[in-house]
Amino acid sequence: MDDSYEAVERRKWASTILDCPELLMMHAQARQDTIPSTRLHFTKLLCGYDDVPRKTRKPKTRKSGKVEKGGVEWGGAE
C-alpha cells in the first residue's frame, strides 16, 4: 500500500467527504453523478484505489424547443 504523504492526505480527504452528507451531495452535483455513485468513488479513494478520471457527462440538448413525453411532443402552439 502506498503510504506517501499524498496518499494519506487523499484518504483523509475522502473520509471527510464521506462523513458529511452535505459535502457528499455537493461533490455529486459537481461530478454530475448520483449520490450512491459518488459515495462509491470516495469509498474507493478511502480504500487506496485511484479512480481513473472519467469523461464528464454532457447534458442532452434538444434539437427543437419541444419536449417529448411518452412519444407525444409538447410545447408548440397548434
PDB file of N, CA and C in Angstrom:
ATOM      1  N   MET A   1       0.843  -1.180   0.000  1.00  0.00           N
ATOM      2  CA  MET A   1       0.000   0.000   0.000  1.00  0.00           C
ATOM      3  C   MET A   1       0.884   1.237   0.000  1.00  0.00           C
ATOM      4  N   ASP A   2       0.452   2.243  -0.731  1.00  0.00           N
ATOM      5  CA  ASP A   2       1.197   3.488  -0.855  1.00  0.00           C
ATOM      6  C   ASP A   2       0.912   4.368   0.358  1.00  0.00           C
ATOM      7  N   ASP A   3       1.922   4.586   1.194  1.00  0.00           N
ATOM      8  CA  ASP A   3       1.739   5.416   2.381  1.00  0.00           C
ATOM      9  C   ASP A   3       2.448   6.755   2.243  1.00  0.00           C
ATOM     10  N   SER A   4       2.515   7.262   1.010  1.00  0.00           N
ATOM     11  CA  SER A   4       3.124   8.569   0.821  1.00  0.00           C
ATOM     12  C   SER A   4       2.220   9.638   1.432  1.00  0.00           C
ATOM     13  N   TYR A   5       2.768  10.800   1.598  1.00  0.00           N
ATOM     14  CA  TYR A   5       2.004  11.902   2.185  1.00  0.00           C
ATOM     15  C   TYR A   5       0.751  12.201   1.363  1.00  0.00           C
ATOM     16  N   GLU A   6       0.896  12.209   0.027  1.00  0.00           N
ATOM     17  CA  GLU A   6      -0.250  12.482  -0.847  1.00  0.00           C
ATOM     18  C   GLU A   6      -1.347  11.446  -0.675  1.00  0.00           C
ATOM     19  N   ALA A   7      -0.969  10.180  -0.586  1.00  0.00           N
ATOM     20  CA  ALA A   7      -1.963   9.108  -0.445  1.00  0.00           C
ATOM     21  C   ALA A   7      -2.700   9.209   0.886  1.00  0.00           C
ATOM     22  N   VAL A   8      -1.970   9.520   1.942  1.00  0.00           N
ATOM     23  CA  VAL A   8      -2.598   9.659   3.260  1.00  0.00           C
ATOM     24  C   VAL A   8      -3.555  10.852   3.261  1.00  0.00           C
ATOM     25  N   GLU A   9      -3.135  11.967   2.685  1.00  0.00           N
ATOM     26  CA  GLU A   9      -3.994  13.152   2.617  1.00  0.00           C
ATOM     27  C   GLU A   9      -5.232  12.893   1.759  1.00  0.00           C
ATOM     28  N   ARG A  10      -5.062  12.165   0.652  1.00  0.00           N
ATOM     29  CA  ARG A  10      -6.193  11.840  -0.224  1.00  0.00           C
ATOM     30  C   ARG A  10      -7.209  10.976   0.519  1.00  0.00           C
ATOM     31  N   ARG A  11      -6.730  10.005   1.304  1.00  0.00           N
ATOM     32  CA  ARG A  11      -7.643   9.150   2.078  1.00  0.00           C
ATOM     33  C   ARG A  11      -8.331   9.945   3.191  1.00  0.00           C
ATOM     34  N   LYS A  12      -7.598  10.860   3.810  1.00  0.00           N
ATOM     35  CA  LYS A  12      -8.198  11.698   4.857  1.00  0.00           C
ATOM     36  C   LYS A  12      -9.290  12.592   4.262  1.00  0.00           C
ATOM     37  N   TRP A  13      -9.013  13.143   3.075  1.00  0.00           N
ATOM     38  CA  TRP A  13      -9.986  13.985   2.380  1.00  0.00           C
ATOM     39  C   TRP A  13     -11.233  13.177   2.020  1.00  0.00           C
ATOM     40  N   ALA A  14     -11.050  11.951   1.521  1.00  0.00           N
ATOM     41  CA  ALA A  14     -12.185  11.086   1.179  1.00  0.00           C
ATOM     42  C   ALA A  14     -13.002  10.762   2.422  1.00  0.00           C
ATOM     43  N   SER A  15     -12.335  10.531   3.532  1.00  0.00           N
ATOM     44  CA  SER A  15     -13.031  10.252   4.787  1.00  0.00           C
ATOM     45  C   SER A  15     -13.869  11.448   5.227  1.00  0.00           C
ATOM     46  N   THR A  16     -13.333  12.639   5.061  1.00  0.00           N
ATOM     47  CA  THR A  16     -14.066  13.856   5.414  1.00  0.00           C
ATOM     48  C   THR A  16     -15.313  14.009   4.551  1.00  0.00           C
ATOM     49  N   ILE A  17     -15.194  13.740   3.263  1.00  0.00           N
ATOM     50  CA  ILE A  17     -16.335  13.849   2.342  1.00  0.00           C
ATOM     51  C   ILE A  17     -17.402  12.826   2.707  1.00  0.00           C
ATOM     52  N   LEU A  18     -16.994  11.598   2.982  1.00  0.00           N
ATOM     53  CA  LEU A  18     -17.955  10.543   3.315  1.00  0.00           C
ATOM     54  C   LEU A  18     -18.635  10.794   4.657  1.00  0.00           C
ATOM     55  N   ASP A  19     -17.981  11.526   5.536  1.00  0.00           N
ATOM     56  CA  ASP A  19     -18.523  11.780   6.870  1.00  0.00           C
ATOM     57  C   ASP A  19     -19.572  12.890   6.885  1.00  0.00           C
ATOM     58  N   CYS A  20     -19.603  13.706   5.844  1.00  0.00           N
ATOM     59  CA  CYS A  20     -20.506  14.866   5.807  1.00  0.00           C
ATOM     60  C   CYS A  20     -21.463  14.749   4.613  1.00  0.00           C
ATOM     61  N   PRO A  21     -22.753  14.496   4.865  1.00  0.00           N
ATOM     62  CA  PRO A  21     -23.712  14.336   3.757  1.00  0.00           C
ATOM     63  C   PRO A  21     -23.789  15.553   2.837  1.00  0.00           C
ATOM     64  N   GLU A  22     -23.649  16.756   3.386  1.00  0.00           N
ATOM     65  CA  GLU A  22     -23.715  17.955   2.554  1.00  0.00           C
ATOM     66  C   GLU A  22     -22.551  18.008   1.569  1.00  0.00           C
ATOM     67  N   LEU A  23     -21.359  17.660   2.038  1.00  0.00           N
ATOM     68  CA  LEU A  23     -20.199  17.636   1.141  1.00  0.00           C
ATOM     69  C   LEU A  23     -20.349  16.551   0.084  1.00  0.00           C
ATOM     70  N   LEU A  24     -20.893  15.405   0.477  1.00  0.00           N
ATOM     71  CA  LEU A  24     -21.104  14.321  -0.479  1.00  0.00           C
ATOM     72  C   LEU A  24     -22.079  14.761  -1.573  1.00  0.00           C
ATOM     73  N   MET A  25     -23.166  15.424  -1.180  1.00  0.00           N
ATOM     74  CA  MET A  25     -24.135  15.910  -2.170  1.00  0.00           C
ATOM     75  C   MET A  25     -23.523  16.978  -3.069  1.00  0.00           C
ATOM     76  N   MET A  26     -22.708  17.847  -2.492  1.00  0.00           N
ATOM     77  CA  MET A  26     -22.060  18.888  -3.279  1.00  0.00           C
ATOM     78  C   MET A  26     -21.132  18.281  -4.335  1.00  0.00           C
ATOM     79  N   HIS A  27     -20.366  17.274  -3.931  1.00  0.00           N
ATOM     80  CA  HIS A  27     -19.462  16.624  -4.878  1.00  0.00           C
ATOM     81  C   HIS A  27     -20.237  15.833  -5.927  1.00  0.00           C
ATOM     82  N   ALA A  28     -21.363  15.240  -5.550  1.00  0.00           N
ATOM     83  CA  ALA A  28     -22.195  14.522  -6.527  1.00  0.00           C
ATOM     84  C   ALA A  28     -22.696  15.483  -7.594  1.00  0.00           C
ATOM     85  N   GLN A  29     -23.122  16.669  -7.190  1.00  0.00           N
ATOM     86  CA  GLN A  29     -23.573  17.660  -8.161  1.00  0.00           C
ATOM     87  C   GLN A  29     -22.425  18.121  -9.040  1.00  0.00           C
ATOM     88  N   ALA A  30     -21.275  18.347  -8.460  1.00  0.00           N
ATOM     89  CA  ALA A  30     -20.120  18.803  -9.233  1.00  0.00           C
ATOM     90  C   ALA A  30     -19.672  17.746 -10.238  1.00  0.00           C
ATOM     91  N   ARG A  31     -19.802  16.476  -9.868  1.00  0.00           N
ATOM     92  CA  ARG A  31     -19.422  15.378 -10.761  1.00  0.00           C
ATOM     93  C   ARG A  31     -20.529  15.038 -11.751  1.00  0.00           C
ATOM     94  N   GLN A  32     -21.702  15.660 -11.589  1.00  0.00           N
ATOM     95  CA  GLN A  32     -22.889  15.348 -12.382  1.00  0.00           C
ATOM     96  C   GLN A  32     -23.167  13.856 -12.307  1.00  0.00           C
ATOM     97  N   ASP A  33     -23.209  13.360 -11.079  1.00  0.00           N
ATOM     98  CA  ASP A  33     -23.367  11.939 -10.826  1.00  0.00           C
ATOM     99  C   ASP A  33     -24.342  11.745  -9.671  1.00  0.00           C
ATOM    100  N   THR A  34     -24.734  10.505  -9.439  1.00  0.00           N
ATOM    101  CA  THR A  34     -25.658  10.216  -8.346  1.00  0.00           C
ATOM    102  C   THR A  34     -24.899  10.177  -7.022  1.00  0.00           C
ATOM    103  N   ILE A  35     -25.641  10.309  -5.933  1.00  0.00           N
ATOM    104  CA  ILE A  35     -25.024  10.265  -4.607  1.00  0.00           C
ATOM    105  C   ILE A  35     -24.426   8.887  -4.329  1.00  0.00           C
ATOM    106  N   PRO A  36     -25.134   7.763  -4.626  1.00  0.00           N
ATOM    107  CA  PRO A  36     -24.512   6.452  -4.385  1.00  0.00           C
ATOM    108  C   PRO A  36     -23.227   6.235  -5.194  1.00  0.00           C
ATOM    109  N   SER A  37     -23.214   6.706  -6.436  1.00  0.00           N
ATOM    110  CA  SER A  37     -22.009   6.553  -7.250  1.00  0.00           C
ATOM    111  C   SER A  37     -20.869   7.408  -6.708  1.00  0.00           C
ATOM    112  N   THR A  38     -21.192   8.592  -6.238  1.00  0.00           N
ATOM    113  CA  THR A  38     -20.173   9.459  -5.647  1.00  0.00           C
ATOM    114  C   THR A  38     -19.657   8.866  -4.348  1.00  0.00           C
ATOM    115  N   ARG A  39     -20.554   8.272  -3.563  1.00  0.00           N
ATOM    116  CA  ARG A  39     -20.137   7.607  -2.322  1.00  0.00           C
ATOM    117  C   ARG A  39     -19.171   6.462  -2.652  1.00  0.00           C
ATOM    118  N   LEU A  40     -19.476   5.694  -3.698  1.00  0.00           N
ATOM    119  CA  LEU A  40     -18.590   4.603  -4.112  1.00  0.00           C
ATOM    120  C   LEU A  40     -17.230   5.144  -4.542  1.00  0.00           C
ATOM    121  N   HIS A  41     -17.241   6.246  -5.277  1.00  0.00           N
ATOM    122  CA  HIS A  41     -15.991   6.868  -5.724  1.00  0.00           C
ATOM    123  C   HIS A  41     -15.098   7.221  -4.531  1.00  0.00           C
ATOM    124  N   PHE A  42     -15.680   7.871  -3.518  1.00  0.00           N
ATOM    125  CA  PHE A  42     -14.888   8.279  -2.354  1.00  0.00           C
ATOM    126  C   PHE A  42     -14.533   7.094  -1.458  1.00  0.00           C
ATOM    127  N   THR A  43     -15.367   6.069  -1.449  1.00  0.00           N
ATOM    128  CA  THR A  43     -15.020   4.855  -0.698  1.00  0.00           C
ATOM    129  C   THR A  43     -13.806   4.180  -1.329  1.00  0.00           C
ATOM    130  N   LYS A  44     -13.761   4.157  -2.663  1.00  0.00           N
ATOM    131  CA  LYS A  44     -12.593   3.592  -3.354  1.00  0.00           C
ATOM    132  C   LYS A  44     -11.338   4.393  -3.038  1.00  0.00           C
ATOM    133  N   LEU A  45     -11.472   5.725  -3.026  1.00  0.00           N
ATOM    134  CA  LEU A  45     -10.317   6.553  -2.672  1.00  0.00           C
ATOM    135  C   LEU A  45      -9.871   6.287  -1.242  1.00  0.00           C
ATOM    136  N   LEU A  46     -10.839   6.121  -0.347  1.00  0.00           N
ATOM    137  CA  LEU A  46     -10.529   5.843   1.055  1.00  0.00           C
ATOM    138  C   LEU A  46      -9.794   4.515   1.204  1.00  0.00           C
ATOM    139  N   CYS A  47     -10.152   3.544   0.364  1.00  0.00           N
ATOM    140  CA  CYS A  47      -9.509   2.222   0.415  1.00  0.00           C
ATOM    141  C   CYS A  47      -8.157   2.200  -0.290  1.00  0.00           C
ATOM    142  N   GLY A  48      -7.803   3.305  -0.946  1.00  0.00           N
ATOM    143  CA  GLY A  48      -6.496   3.371  -1.585  1.00  0.00           C
ATOM    144  C   GLY A  48      -6.500   3.110  -3.072  1.00  0.00           C
ATOM    145  N   TYR A  49      -7.679   2.924  -3.657  1.00  0.00           N
ATOM    146  CA  TYR A  49      -7.755   2.727  -5.103  1.00  0.00           C
ATOM    147  C   TYR A  49      -7.826   4.085  -5.777  1.00  0.00           C
ATOM    148  N   ASP A  50      -6.945   4.293  -6.753  1.00  0.00           N
ATOM    149  CA  ASP A  50      -7.007   5.539  -7.514  1.00  0.00           C
ATOM    150  C   ASP A  50      -8.058   5.382  -8.586  1.00  0.00           C
ATOM    151  N   ASP A  51      -8.994   6.315  -8.608  1.00  0.00           N
ATOM    152  CA  ASP A  51     -10.051   6.272  -9.605  1.00  0.00           C
ATOM    153  C   ASP A  51      -9.547   6.940 -10.871  1.00  0.00           C
ATOM    154  N   VAL A  52      -9.677   6.254 -11.990  1.00  0.00           N
ATOM    155  CA  VAL A  52      -9.270   6.810 -13.267  1.00  0.00           C
ATOM    156  C   VAL A  52     -10.266   7.907 -13.637  1.00  0.00           C
ATOM    157  N   PRO A  53      -9.770   9.094 -14.003  1.00  0.00           N
ATOM    158  CA  PRO A  53     -10.711  10.157 -14.374  1.00  0.00           C
ATOM    159  C   PRO A  53     -11.586   9.715 -15.537  1.00  0.00           C
ATOM    160  N   ARG A  54     -12.881   9.958 -15.399  1.00  0.00           N
ATOM    161  CA  ARG A  54     -13.809   9.561 -16.442  1.00  0.00           C
ATOM    162  C   ARG A  54     -14.256  10.793 -17.201  1.00  0.00           C
ATOM    163  N   LYS A  55     -14.792  10.559 -18.364  1.00  0.00           N
ATOM    164  CA  LYS A  55     -15.316  11.670 -19.140  1.00  0.00           C
ATOM    165  C   LYS A  55     -16.535  12.221 -18.418  1.00  0.00           C
ATOM    166  N   THR A  56     -16.645  13.531 -18.391  1.00  0.00           N
ATOM    167  CA  THR A  56     -17.818  14.120 -17.755  1.00  0.00           C
ATOM    168  C   THR A  56     -18.995  14.021 -18.701  1.00  0.00           C
ATOM    169  N   ARG A  57     -20.141  13.825 -18.123  1.00  0.00           N
ATOM    170  CA  ARG A  57     -21.349  13.712 -18.929  1.00  0.00           C
ATOM    171  C   ARG A  57     -21.735  15.078 -19.466  1.00  0.00           C
ATOM    172  N   LYS A  58     -22.123  15.094 -20.728  1.00  0.00           N
ATOM    173  CA  LYS A  58     -22.625  16.323 -21.313  1.00  0.00           C
ATOM    174  C   LYS A  58     -24.142  16.283 -21.236  1.00  0.00           C
ATOM    175  N   PRO A  59     -24.753  17.388 -20.842  1.00  0.00           N
ATOM    176  CA  PRO A  59     -26.214  17.380 -20.789  1.00  0.00           C
ATOM    177  C   PRO A  59     -26.799  17.194 -22.186  1.00  0.00           C
ATOM    178  N   LYS A  60     -27.901  16.457 -22.243  1.00  0.00           N
ATOM    179  CA  LYS A  60     -28.550  16.228 -23.526  1.00  0.00           C
ATOM    180  C   LYS A  60     -29.178  17.532 -24.003  1.00  0.00           C
ATOM    181  N   THR A  61     -28.943  17.838 -25.265  1.00  0.00           N
ATOM    182  CA  THR A  61     -29.533  19.041 -25.829  1.00  0.00           C
ATOM    183  C   THR A  61     -30.666  18.653 -26.754  1.00  0.00           C
ATOM    184  N   ARG A  62     -31.664  19.502 -26.781  1.00  0.00           N
ATOM    185  CA  ARG A  62     -32.807  19.265 -27.653  1.00  0.00           C
ATOM    186  C   ARG A  62     -32.565  19.953 -28.981  1.00  0.00           C
ATOM    187  N   LYS A  63     -33.039  19.333 -30.049  1.00  0.00           N
ATOM    188  CA  LYS A  63     -32.876  19.925 -31.370  1.00  0.00           C
ATOM    189  C   LYS A  63     -33.955  20.955 -31.656  1.00  0.00           C
ATOM    190  N   SER A  64     -35.099  20.829 -31.003  1.00  0.00           N
ATOM    191  CA  SER A  64     -36.168  21.810 -31.173  1.00  0.00           C
ATOM    192  C   SER A  64     -36.602  22.279 -29.793  1.00  0.00           C
ATOM    193  N   GLY A  65     -37.501  23.223 -29.761  1.00  0.00           N
ATOM    194  CA  GLY A  65     -37.981  23.734 -28.489  1.00  0.00           C
ATOM    195  C   GLY A  65     -39.043  22.857 -27.861  1.00  0.00           C
ATOM    196  N   LYS A  66     -39.317  21.715 -28.476  1.00  0.00           N
ATOM    197  CA  LYS A  66     -40.380  20.849 -27.983  1.00  0.00           C
ATOM    198  C   LYS A  66     -39.809  19.774 -27.073  1.00  0.00           C
ATOM    199  N   VAL A  67     -40.576  19.419 -26.073  1.00  0.00           N
ATOM    200  CA  VAL A  67     -40.186  18.368 -25.141  1.00  0.00           C
ATOM    201  C   VAL A  67     -41.019  17.145 -25.454  1.00  0.00           C
ATOM    202  N   GLU A  68     -40.368  15.997 -25.582  1.00  0.00           N
ATOM    203  CA  GLU A  68     -41.089  14.773 -25.904  1.00  0.00           C
ATOM    204  C   GLU A  68     -41.454  14.039 -24.628  1.00  0.00           C
ATOM    205  N   LYS A  69     -42.741  13.731 -24.477  1.00  0.00           N
ATOM    206  CA  LYS A  69     -43.230  12.977 -23.318  1.00  0.00           C
ATOM    207  C   LYS A  69     -43.988  11.771 -23.822  1.00  0.00           C
ATOM    208  N   GLY A  70     -43.461  10.599 -23.595  1.00  0.00           N
ATOM    209  CA  GLY A  70     -44.168   9.373 -23.955  1.00  0.00           C
ATOM    210  C   GLY A  70     -44.513   9.284 -25.427  1.00  0.00           C
ATOM    211  N   GLY A  71     -43.657   9.788 -26.283  1.00  0.00           N
ATOM    212  CA  GLY A  71     -43.896   9.691 -27.715  1.00  0.00           C
ATOM    213  C   GLY A  71     -44.726  10.845 -28.264  1.00  0.00           C
ATOM    214  N   VAL A  72     -45.196  11.749 -27.413  1.00  0.00           N
ATOM    215  CA  VAL A  72     -46.006  12.886 -27.842  1.00  0.00           C
ATOM    216  C   VAL A  72     -45.198  14.152 -27.609  1.00  0.00           C
ATOM    217  N   GLU A  73     -45.154  15.009 -28.609  1.00  0.00           N
ATOM    218  CA  GLU A  73     -44.407  16.251 -28.454  1.00  0.00           C
ATOM    219  C   GLU A  73     -45.294  17.313 -27.838  1.00  0.00           C
ATOM    220  N   TRP A  74     -44.736  18.057 -26.891  1.00  0.00           N
ATOM    221  CA  TRP A  74     -45.443  19.123 -26.200  1.00  0.00           C
ATOM    222  C   TRP A  74     -44.700  20.426 -26.444  1.00  0.00           C
ATOM    223  N   GLY A  75     -45.390  21.501 -26.407  1.00  0.00           N
ATOM    224  CA  GLY A  75     -44.695  22.782 -26.428  1.00  0.00           C
ATOM    225  C   GLY A  75     -45.033  23.687 -27.586  1.00  0.00           C
ATOM    226  N   GLY A  76     -45.505  23.204 -28.687  1.00  0.00           N
ATOM    227  CA  GLY A  76     -45.808  24.066 -29.821  1.00  0.00           C
ATOM    228  C   GLY A  76     -47.272  24.453 -29.848  1.00  0.00           C
ATOM    229  N   ALA A  77     -47.566  25.660 -30.325  1.00  0.00           N
ATOM    230  CA  ALA A  77     -48.963  26.079 -30.476  1.00  0.00           C
ATOM    231  C   ALA A  77     -49.515  25.414 -31.723  1.00  0.00           C
ATOM    232  N   GLU A  78     -50.639  24.757 -31.563  1.00  0.00           N
ATOM    233  CA  GLU A  78     -51.158  24.006 -32.707  1.00  0.00           C
ATOM    234  C   GLU A  78     -52.547  24.391 -33.042  1.00  0.00           C
TER     235      GLU A  78
END
